[in-house]
Amino acid sequence: MNEKIITKMHVKDNLVKVMRVNGVDYISLTDMVRKIDNGPALIEKWLRNKNTIEFLGIWEEMYNEDFDTNAYDEIM
């Protein structure tokens, strides 16, 4: 069963969505930075960082059996 529950929580006067999938909580990064100057640009910059991409690639290799390593290698 793929249970999905979406709730919200307050973080420093900011409403942040929380999604629970099979008992694991995930938070919205974009909600967290919404009230910060250039917040969305910070996430965009973080996602373009080579270290971030390498981390995400390692994470996907470990936890995603359908991860396409060839497509990942092309990005790198």
Protein backbone atom coordinates (compact mmCIF):
# COMPACT_ATOMS: atom_id res chain seq x y z
CA MET A 1 0.00 0.00 0.00
CA ASN A 2 1.38 3.41 -1.02
CA GLU A 3 -0.10 5.68 1.67
CA LYS A 4 0.24 9.43 1.06
CA ILE A 5 -0.80 12.00 3.65
CA ILE A 6 -0.18 15.71 3.18
CA THR A 7 -0.13 18.05 6.17
CA LYS A 8 1.36 21.46 6.88
CA MET A 9 3.52 22.85 9.66
CA HIS A 10 4.67 26.32 10.66
CA VAL A 11 8.41 27.05 10.44
CA LYS A 12 9.37 30.60 11.45
CA ASP A 13 6.00 32.04 10.36
CA ASN A 14 6.10 30.09 7.12
CA LEU A 15 3.63 27.33 6.20
CA VAL A 16 5.51 24.26 4.94
CA LYS A 17 3.89 21.20 3.35
CA VAL A 18 4.82 17.79 4.75
CA MET A 19 4.03 14.64 2.79
CA ARG A 20 4.10 11.27 4.52
CA VAL A 21 4.60 8.30 2.20
CA ASN A 22 4.59 4.85 3.79
CA GLY A 23 5.51 6.32 7.17
CA VAL A 24 8.36 8.52 5.89
CA ASP A 25 8.03 12.32 6.06
CA TYR A 26 9.14 14.60 3.21
CA ILE A 27 9.14 18.41 3.43
CA SER A 28 8.83 20.98 0.66
CA LEU A 29 12.11 22.85 0.20
CA THR A 30 10.42 25.51 -1.91
CA ASP A 31 7.92 26.19 0.88
CA MET A 32 10.79 26.53 3.36
CA VAL A 33 12.55 29.27 1.38
CA ARG A 34 9.47 31.03 0.01
CA LYS A 35 9.84 34.07 2.33
CA ILE A 36 13.63 34.35 2.00
CA ASP A 37 14.98 36.88 -0.49
CA ASN A 38 15.91 34.95 -3.66
CA GLY A 39 14.84 31.70 -1.93
CA PRO A 40 13.86 29.84 -5.11
CA ALA A 41 17.15 30.97 -6.70
CA LEU A 42 19.01 29.41 -3.75
CA ILE A 43 17.41 26.04 -4.44
CA GLU A 44 18.15 26.36 -8.14
CA LYS A 45 21.80 27.15 -7.39
CA TRP A 46 22.00 24.23 -4.93
CA LEU A 47 20.56 21.83 -7.53
CA ARG A 48 23.18 22.92 -10.07
CA ASN A 49 26.05 22.32 -7.67
CA LYS A 50 28.21 19.38 -8.75
CA ASN A 51 28.42 18.04 -5.18
CA THR A 52 24.62 18.04 -4.93
CA ILE A 53 24.27 16.16 -8.21
CA GLU A 54 26.87 13.61 -7.10
CA PHE A 55 25.07 13.14 -3.77
CA LEU A 56 21.72 12.66 -5.50
CA GLY A 57 23.28 10.15 -7.90
CA ILE A 58 24.74 8.09 -5.05
CA TRP A 59 21.44 8.25 -3.18
CA GLU A 60 19.50 7.07 -6.22
CA GLU A 61 21.93 4.23 -6.89
CA MET A 62 21.48 3.04 -3.31
CA TYR A 63 17.69 3.36 -3.00
CA ASN A 64 16.17 3.36 -6.49
CA GLU A 65 16.32 0.04 -8.26
CA ASP A 66 15.02 1.70 -11.46
CA PHE A 67 17.72 4.40 -11.46
CA ASP A 68 19.11 4.98 -14.96
CA THR A 69 22.87 5.19 -14.41
CA ASN A 70 23.51 5.82 -18.11
CA ALA A 71 21.31 8.94 -18.09
CA TYR A 72 22.99 10.06 -14.87
CA ASP A 73 26.46 9.61 -16.41
CA GLU A 74 25.39 11.82 -19.34
CA ILE A 75 24.37 14.58 -16.91
CA MET A 76 27.67 14.35 -15.08
